[in-house]
Amino acid sequence: MNTFLVILLVAAMIATVVALVRGIISFLQEASATARGEGGGPTAAQLKSNRMMQQRILFQALAVLVVVVLLFAAGRT
Protein backbone atom coordinates (compact mmCIF):
# COMPACT_ATOMS: atom_id res chain seq x y z
CA MET A 1 0.00 0.00 0.00
CA ASN A 2 2.75 2.45 0.95
CA THR A 3 4.69 1.62 -2.21
CA PHE A 4 1.66 2.44 -4.33
CA LEU A 5 1.16 5.73 -2.50
CA VAL A 6 4.82 6.69 -2.91
CA ILE A 7 4.64 5.95 -6.64
CA LEU A 8 1.45 8.02 -6.85
CA LEU A 9 3.15 10.84 -4.96
CA VAL A 10 6.14 10.87 -7.30
CA ALA A 11 3.82 10.84 -10.31
CA ALA A 12 1.83 13.77 -8.90
CA MET A 13 5.04 15.71 -8.23
CA ILE A 14 6.31 15.10 -11.77
CA ALA A 15 2.95 16.12 -13.22
CA THR A 16 3.06 19.30 -11.12
CA VAL A 17 6.49 20.24 -12.47
CA VAL A 18 5.46 19.49 -16.06
CA ALA A 19 2.31 21.62 -15.76
CA LEU A 20 4.33 24.42 -14.15
CA VAL A 21 6.92 24.44 -16.94
CA ARG A 22 4.28 24.32 -19.67
CA GLY A 23 2.38 27.16 -17.97
CA ILE A 24 5.50 29.30 -17.72
CA ILE A 25 6.34 28.68 -21.38
CA SER A 26 2.81 29.67 -22.40
CA PHE A 27 3.01 32.75 -20.19
CA LEU A 28 6.30 33.80 -21.82
CA GLN A 29 4.80 33.32 -25.29
CA GLU A 30 1.87 35.49 -24.27
CA ALA A 31 4.21 38.14 -22.87
CA SER A 32 6.17 38.31 -26.12
CA ALA A 33 2.92 38.61 -28.12
CA THR A 34 1.81 41.46 -25.86
CA ALA A 35 5.15 43.22 -26.34
CA ARG A 36 4.60 43.07 -30.12
CA GLY A 37 1.24 44.80 -29.65
CA GLU A 38 -1.10 41.94 -30.42
CA GLY A 39 -4.02 42.71 -28.12
CA GLY A 40 -7.79 42.43 -28.20
CA GLY A 41 -8.91 39.61 -25.96
CA PRO A 42 -7.37 36.51 -24.50
CA THR A 43 -4.94 34.79 -26.81
CA ALA A 44 -4.51 31.06 -27.22
CA ALA A 45 -1.28 31.29 -25.19
CA GLN A 46 -3.09 33.04 -22.33
CA LEU A 47 -5.82 30.42 -22.27
CA LYS A 48 -3.25 27.61 -22.34
CA SER A 49 -1.26 29.28 -19.56
CA ASN A 50 -4.37 29.53 -17.38
CA ARG A 51 -5.28 25.90 -18.07
CA MET A 52 -1.76 24.71 -17.22
CA MET A 53 -1.72 26.66 -13.97
CA GLN A 54 -5.11 25.22 -13.00
CA GLN A 55 -3.76 21.75 -13.67
CA ARG A 56 -0.70 22.56 -11.55
CA ILE A 57 -2.96 23.44 -8.63
CA LEU A 58 -4.90 20.20 -9.12
CA PHE A 59 -1.71 18.11 -9.15
CA GLN A 60 -0.38 19.92 -6.09
CA ALA A 61 -3.60 19.20 -4.23
CA LEU A 62 -3.34 15.54 -5.23
CA ALA A 63 0.26 15.40 -3.98
CA VAL A 64 -0.70 16.97 -0.65
CA LEU A 65 -3.59 14.53 -0.28
CA VAL A 66 -1.27 11.58 -0.91
CA VAL A 67 1.20 12.91 1.68
CA VAL A 68 -1.64 13.20 4.21
CA VAL A 69 -2.71 9.62 3.51
CA LEU A 70 0.90 8.41 3.83
CA LEU A 71 1.37 10.20 7.15
CA PHE A 72 -1.96 8.88 8.41
CA ALA A 73 -0.98 5.34 7.40
CA ALA A 74 2.45 5.71 9.04
CA GLY A 75 0.83 6.87 12.28
CA ARG A 76 -1.35 3.79 12.42
CA THR A 77 1.54 1.32 12.41
PDB file of N, CA and C in Angstrom:
ATOM      1  N   MET A   1       0.830  -1.191   0.000  1.00  0.00           N
ATOM      2  CA  MET A   1       0.000   0.000   0.000  1.00  0.00           C
ATOM      3  C   MET A   1       0.872   1.252   0.000  1.00  0.00           C
ATOM      4  N   ASN A   2       1.879   1.278   0.885  1.00  0.00           N
ATOM      5  CA  ASN A   2       2.746   2.451   0.953  1.00  0.00           C
ATOM      6  C   ASN A   2       3.533   2.636  -0.339  1.00  0.00           C
ATOM      7  N   THR A   3       3.945   1.528  -0.951  1.00  0.00           N
ATOM      8  CA  THR A   3       4.687   1.616  -2.206  1.00  0.00           C
ATOM      9  C   THR A   3       3.826   2.261  -3.285  1.00  0.00           C
ATOM     10  N   PHE A   4       2.583   1.854  -3.360  1.00  0.00           N
ATOM     11  CA  PHE A   4       1.657   2.441  -4.329  1.00  0.00           C
ATOM     12  C   PHE A   4       1.490   3.934  -4.081  1.00  0.00           C
ATOM     13  N   LEU A   5       1.343   4.318  -2.821  1.00  0.00           N
ATOM     14  CA  LEU A   5       1.164   5.733  -2.503  1.00  0.00           C
ATOM     15  C   LEU A   5       2.416   6.550  -2.814  1.00  0.00           C
ATOM     16  N   VAL A   6       3.580   5.983  -2.588  1.00  0.00           N
ATOM     17  CA  VAL A   6       4.823   6.694  -2.908  1.00  0.00           C
ATOM     18  C   VAL A   6       4.949   6.877  -4.418  1.00  0.00           C
ATOM     19  N   ILE A   7       4.609   5.838  -5.178  1.00  0.00           N
ATOM     20  CA  ILE A   7       4.644   5.951  -6.636  1.00  0.00           C
ATOM     21  C   ILE A   7       3.645   7.002  -7.105  1.00  0.00           C
ATOM     22  N   LEU A   8       2.467   7.010  -6.515  1.00  0.00           N
ATOM     23  CA  LEU A   8       1.453   8.015  -6.846  1.00  0.00           C
ATOM     24  C   LEU A   8       1.935   9.413  -6.487  1.00  0.00           C
ATOM     25  N   LEU A   9       2.611   9.546  -5.370  1.00  0.00           N
ATOM     26  CA  LEU A   9       3.145  10.842  -4.956  1.00  0.00           C
ATOM     27  C   LEU A   9       4.202  11.341  -5.935  1.00  0.00           C
ATOM     28  N   VAL A  10       5.108  10.471  -6.339  1.00  0.00           N
ATOM     29  CA  VAL A  10       6.142  10.866  -7.297  1.00  0.00           C
ATOM     30  C   VAL A  10       5.507  11.260  -8.628  1.00  0.00           C
ATOM     31  N   ALA A  11       4.505  10.510  -9.068  1.00  0.00           N
ATOM     32  CA  ALA A  11       3.818  10.843 -10.315  1.00  0.00           C
ATOM     33  C   ALA A  11       3.124  12.199 -10.213  1.00  0.00           C
ATOM     34  N   ALA A  12       2.496  12.478  -9.085  1.00  0.00           N
ATOM     35  CA  ALA A  12       1.834  13.774  -8.901  1.00  0.00           C
ATOM     36  C   ALA A  12       2.846  14.911  -8.873  1.00  0.00           C
ATOM     37  N   MET A  13       4.011  14.680  -8.277  1.00  0.00           N
ATOM     38  CA  MET A  13       5.039  15.710  -8.232  1.00  0.00           C
ATOM     39  C   MET A  13       5.602  15.976  -9.630  1.00  0.00           C
ATOM     40  N   ILE A  14       5.813  14.923 -10.399  1.00  0.00           N
ATOM     41  CA  ILE A  14       6.311  15.099 -11.769  1.00  0.00           C
ATOM     42  C   ILE A  14       5.272  15.831 -12.618  1.00  0.00           C
ATOM     43  N   ALA A  15       4.011  15.460 -12.473  1.00  0.00           N
ATOM     44  CA  ALA A  15       2.948  16.125 -13.221  1.00  0.00           C
ATOM     45  C   ALA A  15       2.852  17.602 -12.835  1.00  0.00           C
ATOM     46  N   THR A  16       3.076  17.917 -11.565  1.00  0.00           N
ATOM     47  CA  THR A  16       3.060  19.304 -11.117  1.00  0.00           C
ATOM     48  C   THR A  16       4.168  20.101 -11.795  1.00  0.00           C
ATOM     49  N   VAL A  17       5.363  19.546 -11.844  1.00  0.00           N
ATOM     50  CA  VAL A  17       6.489  20.241 -12.469  1.00  0.00           C
ATOM     51  C   VAL A  17       6.251  20.420 -13.964  1.00  0.00           C
ATOM     52  N   VAL A  18       5.729  19.394 -14.626  1.00  0.00           N
ATOM     53  CA  VAL A  18       5.459  19.493 -16.062  1.00  0.00           C
ATOM     54  C   VAL A  18       4.413  20.572 -16.332  1.00  0.00           C
ATOM     55  N   ALA A  19       3.339  20.595 -15.568  1.00  0.00           N
ATOM     56  CA  ALA A  19       2.308  21.616 -15.758  1.00  0.00           C
ATOM     57  C   ALA A  19       2.861  23.008 -15.466  1.00  0.00           C
ATOM     58  N   LEU A  20       3.725  23.126 -14.468  1.00  0.00           N
ATOM     59  CA  LEU A  20       4.326  24.420 -14.152  1.00  0.00           C
ATOM     60  C   LEU A  20       5.197  24.913 -15.302  1.00  0.00           C
ATOM     61  N   VAL A  21       6.039  24.044 -15.833  1.00  0.00           N
ATOM     62  CA  VAL A  21       6.924  24.445 -16.936  1.00  0.00           C
ATOM     63  C   VAL A  21       6.112  24.806 -18.175  1.00  0.00           C
ATOM     64  N   ARG A  22       5.113  24.002 -18.504  1.00  0.00           N
ATOM     65  CA  ARG A  22       4.275  24.320 -19.666  1.00  0.00           C
ATOM     66  C   ARG A  22       3.528  25.630 -19.469  1.00  0.00           C
ATOM     67  N   GLY A  23       3.066  25.898 -18.255  1.00  0.00           N
ATOM     68  CA  GLY A  23       2.380  27.158 -17.974  1.00  0.00           C
ATOM     69  C   GLY A  23       3.305  28.349 -18.096  1.00  0.00           C
ATOM     70  N   ILE A  24       4.531  28.204 -17.623  1.00  0.00           N
ATOM     71  CA  ILE A  24       5.499  29.300 -17.719  1.00  0.00           C
ATOM     72  C   ILE A  24       5.856  29.566 -19.175  1.00  0.00           C
ATOM     73  N   ILE A  25       6.036  28.499 -19.958  1.00  0.00           N
ATOM     74  CA  ILE A  25       6.339  28.675 -21.380  1.00  0.00           C
ATOM     75  C   ILE A  25       5.190  29.391 -22.086  1.00  0.00           C
ATOM     76  N   SER A  26       3.967  29.003 -21.796  1.00  0.00           N
ATOM     77  CA  SER A  26       2.809  29.670 -22.401  1.00  0.00           C
ATOM     78  C   SER A  26       2.729  31.121 -21.958  1.00  0.00           C
ATOM     79  N   PHE A  27       3.029  31.372 -20.701  1.00  0.00           N
ATOM     80  CA  PHE A  27       3.014  32.747 -20.194  1.00  0.00           C
ATOM     81  C   PHE A  27       4.058  33.596 -20.911  1.00  0.00           C
ATOM     82  N   LEU A  28       5.250  33.041 -21.134  1.00  0.00           N
ATOM     83  CA  LEU A  28       6.299  33.797 -21.818  1.00  0.00           C
ATOM     84  C   LEU A  28       5.928  34.047 -23.282  1.00  0.00           C
ATOM     85  N   GLN A  29       5.261  33.099 -23.923  1.00  0.00           N
ATOM     86  CA  GLN A  29       4.796  33.316 -25.294  1.00  0.00           C
ATOM     87  C   GLN A  29       3.763  34.427 -25.334  1.00  0.00           C
ATOM     88  N   GLU A  30       2.897  34.443 -24.346  1.00  0.00           N
ATOM     89  CA  GLU A  30       1.872  35.491 -24.269  1.00  0.00           C
ATOM     90  C   GLU A  30       2.512  36.842 -24.026  1.00  0.00           C
ATOM     91  N   ALA A  31       3.544  36.874 -23.178  1.00  0.00           N
ATOM     92  CA  ALA A  31       4.214  38.137 -22.875  1.00  0.00           C
ATOM     93  C   ALA A  31       4.911  38.692 -24.106  1.00  0.00           C
ATOM     94  N   SER A  32       5.506  37.827 -24.910  1.00  0.00           N
ATOM     95  CA  SER A  32       6.166  38.311 -26.125  1.00  0.00           C
ATOM     96  C   SER A  32       5.141  38.787 -27.152  1.00  0.00           C
ATOM     97  N   ALA A  33       3.972  38.160 -27.208  1.00  0.00           N
ATOM     98  CA  ALA A  33       2.918  38.607 -28.121  1.00  0.00           C
ATOM     99  C   ALA A  33       2.380  39.966 -27.680  1.00  0.00           C
ATOM    100  N   THR A  34       2.277  40.178 -26.373  1.00  0.00           N
ATOM    101  CA  THR A  34       1.807  41.460 -25.856  1.00  0.00           C
ATOM    102  C   THR A  34       2.823  42.557 -26.159  1.00  0.00           C
ATOM    103  N   ALA A  35       4.104  42.242 -26.054  1.00  0.00           N
ATOM    104  CA  ALA A  35       5.152  43.219 -26.342  1.00  0.00           C
ATOM    105  C   ALA A  35       5.125  43.634 -27.810  1.00  0.00           C
ATOM    106  N   ARG A  36       4.690  42.734 -28.695  1.00  0.00           N
ATOM    107  CA  ARG A  36       4.598  43.067 -30.124  1.00  0.00           C
ATOM    108  C   ARG A  36       3.343  43.877 -30.423  1.00  0.00           C
ATOM    109  N   GLY A  37       2.436  43.992 -29.457  1.00  0.00           N
ATOM    110  CA  GLY A  37       1.240  44.804 -29.647  1.00  0.00           C
ATOM    111  C   GLY A  37       0.033  44.043 -30.125  1.00  0.00           C
ATOM    112  N   GLU A  38       0.045  42.735 -30.014  1.00  0.00           N
ATOM    113  CA  GLU A  38      -1.104  41.936 -30.424  1.00  0.00           C
ATOM    114  C   GLU A  38      -2.073  41.844 -29.246  1.00  0.00           C
ATOM    115  N   GLY A  39      -3.071  42.691 -29.225  1.00  0.00           N
ATOM    116  CA  GLY A  39      -4.022  42.713 -28.117  1.00  0.00           C
ATOM    117  C   GLY A  39      -5.411  42.371 -28.615  1.00  0.00           C
ATOM    118  N   GLY A  40      -6.407  42.622 -27.766  1.00  0.00           N
ATOM    119  CA  GLY A  40      -7.786  42.426 -28.196  1.00  0.00           C
ATOM    120  C   GLY A  40      -8.389  41.125 -27.737  1.00  0.00           C
ATOM    121  N   GLY A  41      -8.308  40.830 -26.472  1.00  0.00           N
ATOM    122  CA  GLY A  41      -8.911  39.614 -25.956  1.00  0.00           C
ATOM    123  C   GLY A  41      -7.877  38.581 -25.589  1.00  0.00           C
ATOM    124  N   PRO A  42      -8.336  37.541 -24.928  1.00  0.00           N
ATOM    125  CA  PRO A  42      -7.370  36.505 -24.505  1.00  0.00           C
ATOM    126  C   PRO A  42      -6.847  35.726 -25.709  1.00  0.00           C
ATOM    127  N   THR A  43      -5.566  35.541 -25.731  1.00  0.00           N
ATOM    128  CA  THR A  43      -4.937  34.793 -26.812  1.00  0.00           C
ATOM    129  C   THR A  43      -4.943  33.305 -26.462  1.00  0.00           C
ATOM    130  N   ALA A  44      -4.582  32.509 -27.446  1.00  0.00           N
ATOM    131  CA  ALA A  44      -4.506  31.063 -27.216  1.00  0.00           C
ATOM    132  C   ALA A  44      -3.438  30.751 -26.167  1.00  0.00           C
ATOM    133  N   ALA A  45      -2.344  31.511 -26.178  1.00  0.00           N
ATOM    134  CA  ALA A  45      -1.280  31.290 -25.193  1.00  0.00           C
ATOM    135  C   ALA A  45      -1.765  31.632 -23.784  1.00  0.00           C
ATOM    136  N   GLN A  46      -2.556  32.681 -23.648  1.00  0.00           N
ATOM    137  CA  GLN A  46      -3.094  33.041 -22.334  1.00  0.00           C
ATOM    138  C   GLN A  46      -4.028  31.962 -21.811  1.00  0.00           C
ATOM    139  N   LEU A  47      -4.892  31.467 -22.680  1.00  0.00           N
ATOM    140  CA  LEU A  47      -5.823  30.418 -22.266  1.00  0.00           C
ATOM    141  C   LEU A  47      -5.077  29.140 -21.890  1.00  0.00           C
ATOM    142  N   LYS A  48      -4.045  28.798 -22.656  1.00  0.00           N
ATOM    143  CA  LYS A  48      -3.253  27.607 -22.340  1.00  0.00           C
ATOM    144  C   LYS A  48      -2.510  27.795 -21.030  1.00  0.00           C
ATOM    145  N   SER A  49      -1.971  28.997 -20.805  1.00  0.00           N
ATOM    146  CA  SER A  49      -1.262  29.277 -19.558  1.00  0.00           C
ATOM    147  C   SER A  49      -2.197  29.128 -18.362  1.00  0.00           C
ATOM    148  N   ASN A  50      -3.401  29.656 -18.472  1.00  0.00           N
ATOM    149  CA  ASN A  50      -4.373  29.533 -17.380  1.00  0.00           C
ATOM    150  C   ASN A  50      -4.738  28.072 -17.128  1.00  0.00           C
ATOM    151  N   ARG A  51      -4.930  27.314 -18.206  1.00  0.00           N
ATOM    152  CA  ARG A  51      -5.282  25.900 -18.071  1.00  0.00           C
ATOM    153  C   ARG A  51      -4.144  25.108 -17.415  1.00  0.00           C
ATOM    154  N   MET A  52      -2.917  25.409 -17.808  1.00  0.00           N
ATOM    155  CA  MET A  52      -1.763  24.710 -17.222  1.00  0.00           C
ATOM    156  C   MET A  52      -1.616  25.047 -15.741  1.00  0.00           C
ATOM    157  N   MET A  53      -1.840  26.279 -15.370  1.00  0.00           N
ATOM    158  CA  MET A  53      -1.717  26.657 -13.967  1.00  0.00           C
ATOM    159  C   MET A  53      -2.848  26.045 -13.126  1.00  0.00           C
ATOM    160  N   GLN A  54      -4.033  25.907 -13.710  1.00  0.00           N
ATOM    161  CA  GLN A  54      -5.110  25.223 -12.998  1.00  0.00           C
ATOM    162  C   GLN A  54      -4.773  23.752 -12.803  1.00  0.00           C
ATOM    163  N   GLN A  55      -4.170  23.137 -13.811  1.00  0.00           N
ATOM    164  CA  GLN A  55      -3.760  21.748 -13.667  1.00  0.00           C
ATOM    165  C   GLN A  55      -2.668  21.609 -12.617  1.00  0.00           C
ATOM    166  N   ARG A  56      -1.767  22.593 -12.558  1.00  0.00           N
ATOM    167  CA  ARG A  56      -0.703  22.562 -11.548  1.00  0.00           C
ATOM    168  C   ARG A  56      -1.304  22.559 -10.149  1.00  0.00           C
ATOM    169  N   ILE A  57      -2.307  23.382  -9.938  1.00  0.00           N
ATOM    170  CA  ILE A  57      -2.962  23.438  -8.626  1.00  0.00           C
ATOM    171  C   ILE A  57      -3.630  22.102  -8.316  1.00  0.00           C
ATOM    172  N   LEU A  58      -4.261  21.495  -9.312  1.00  0.00           N
ATOM    173  CA  LEU A  58      -4.902  20.196  -9.116  1.00  0.00           C
ATOM    174  C   LEU A  58      -3.874  19.131  -8.738  1.00  0.00           C
ATOM    175  N   PHE A  59      -2.741  19.098  -9.452  1.00  0.00           N
ATOM    176  CA  PHE A  59      -1.713  18.111  -9.154  1.00  0.00           C
ATOM    177  C   PHE A  59      -1.070  18.352  -7.792  1.00  0.00           C
ATOM    178  N   GLN A  60      -0.919  19.616  -7.421  1.00  0.00           N
ATOM    179  CA  GLN A  60      -0.382  19.918  -6.092  1.00  0.00           C
ATOM    180  C   GLN A  60      -1.337  19.437  -5.007  1.00  0.00           C
ATOM    181  N   ALA A  61      -2.621  19.657  -5.210  1.00  0.00           N
ATOM    182  CA  ALA A  61      -3.604  19.200  -4.228  1.00  0.00           C
ATOM    183  C   ALA A  61      -3.576  17.678  -4.114  1.00  0.00           C
ATOM    184  N   LEU A  62      -3.432  17.000  -5.244  1.00  0.00           N
ATOM    185  CA  LEU A  62      -3.345  15.543  -5.226  1.00  0.00           C
ATOM    186  C   LEU A  62      -2.108  15.089  -4.457  1.00  0.00           C
ATOM    187  N   ALA A  63      -0.975  15.761  -4.682  1.00  0.00           N
ATOM    188  CA  ALA A  63       0.260  15.396  -3.983  1.00  0.00           C
ATOM    189  C   ALA A  63       0.114  15.607  -2.476  1.00  0.00           C
ATOM    190  N   VAL A  64      -0.497  16.703  -2.077  1.00  0.00           N
ATOM    191  CA  VAL A  64      -0.697  16.968  -0.647  1.00  0.00           C
ATOM    192  C   VAL A  64      -1.625  15.920  -0.043  1.00  0.00           C
ATOM    193  N   LEU A  65      -2.665  15.555  -0.766  1.00  0.00           N
ATOM    194  CA  LEU A  65      -3.590  14.529  -0.281  1.00  0.00           C
ATOM    195  C   LEU A  65      -2.876  13.189  -0.096  1.00  0.00           C
ATOM    196  N   VAL A  66      -2.014  12.833  -1.032  1.00  0.00           N
ATOM    197  CA  VAL A  66      -1.268  11.575  -0.915  1.00  0.00           C
ATOM    198  C   VAL A  66      -0.332  11.623   0.289  1.00  0.00           C
ATOM    199  N   VAL A  67       0.321  12.767   0.518  1.00  0.00           N
ATOM    200  CA  VAL A  67       1.201  12.907   1.685  1.00  0.00           C
ATOM    201  C   VAL A  67       0.399  12.747   2.973  1.00  0.00           C
ATOM    202  N   VAL A  68      -0.790  13.332   3.021  1.00  0.00           N
ATOM    203  CA  VAL A  68      -1.637  13.203   4.215  1.00  0.00           C
ATOM    204  C   VAL A  68      -2.000  11.742   4.447  1.00  0.00           C
ATOM    205  N   VAL A  69      -2.351  11.036   3.375  1.00  0.00           N
ATOM    206  CA  VAL A  69      -2.707   9.616   3.513  1.00  0.00           C
ATOM    207  C   VAL A  69      -1.492   8.807   3.968  1.00  0.00           C
ATOM    208  N   LEU A  70      -0.316   9.110   3.406  1.00  0.00           N
ATOM    209  CA  LEU A  70       0.902   8.413   3.826  1.00  0.00           C
ATOM    210  C   LEU A  70       1.210   8.651   5.298  1.00  0.00           C
ATOM    211  N   LEU A  71       1.092   9.888   5.735  1.00  0.00           N
ATOM    212  CA  LEU A  71       1.369  10.202   7.148  1.00  0.00           C
ATOM    213  C   LEU A  71       0.334   9.550   8.059  1.00  0.00           C
ATOM    214  N   PHE A  72      -0.917   9.529   7.618  1.00  0.00           N
ATOM    215  CA  PHE A  72      -1.960   8.882   8.410  1.00  0.00           C
ATOM    216  C   PHE A  72      -1.694   7.374   8.529  1.00  0.00           C
ATOM    217  N   ALA A  73      -1.274   6.770   7.395  1.00  0.00           N
ATOM    218  CA  ALA A  73      -0.982   5.336   7.401  1.00  0.00           C
ATOM    219  C   ALA A  73       0.253   5.045   8.259  1.00  0.00           C
ATOM    220  N   ALA A  74       1.236   5.911   8.243  1.00  0.00           N
ATOM    221  CA  ALA A  74       2.450   5.708   9.043  1.00  0.00           C
ATOM    222  C   ALA A  74       2.136   5.848  10.529  1.00  0.00           C
ATOM    223  N   GLY A  75       1.203   6.692  10.873  1.00  0.00           N
ATOM    224  CA  GLY A  75       0.834   6.872  12.278  1.00  0.00           C
ATOM    225  C   GLY A  75       0.060   5.697  12.837  1.00  0.00           C
ATOM    226  N   ARG A  76      -0.560   4.931  11.987  1.00  0.00           N
ATOM    227  CA  ARG A  76      -1.354   3.787  12.424  1.00  0.00           C
ATOM    228  C   ARG A  76      -0.511   2.565  12.734  1.00  0.00           C
ATOM    229  N   THR A  77       0.718   2.521  12.205  1.00  0.00           N
ATOM    230  CA  THR A  77       1.536   1.318  12.412  1.00  0.00           C
ATOM    231  C   THR A  77       2.395   1.437  13.627  1.00  0.00           C
TER     232      THR A  77
END
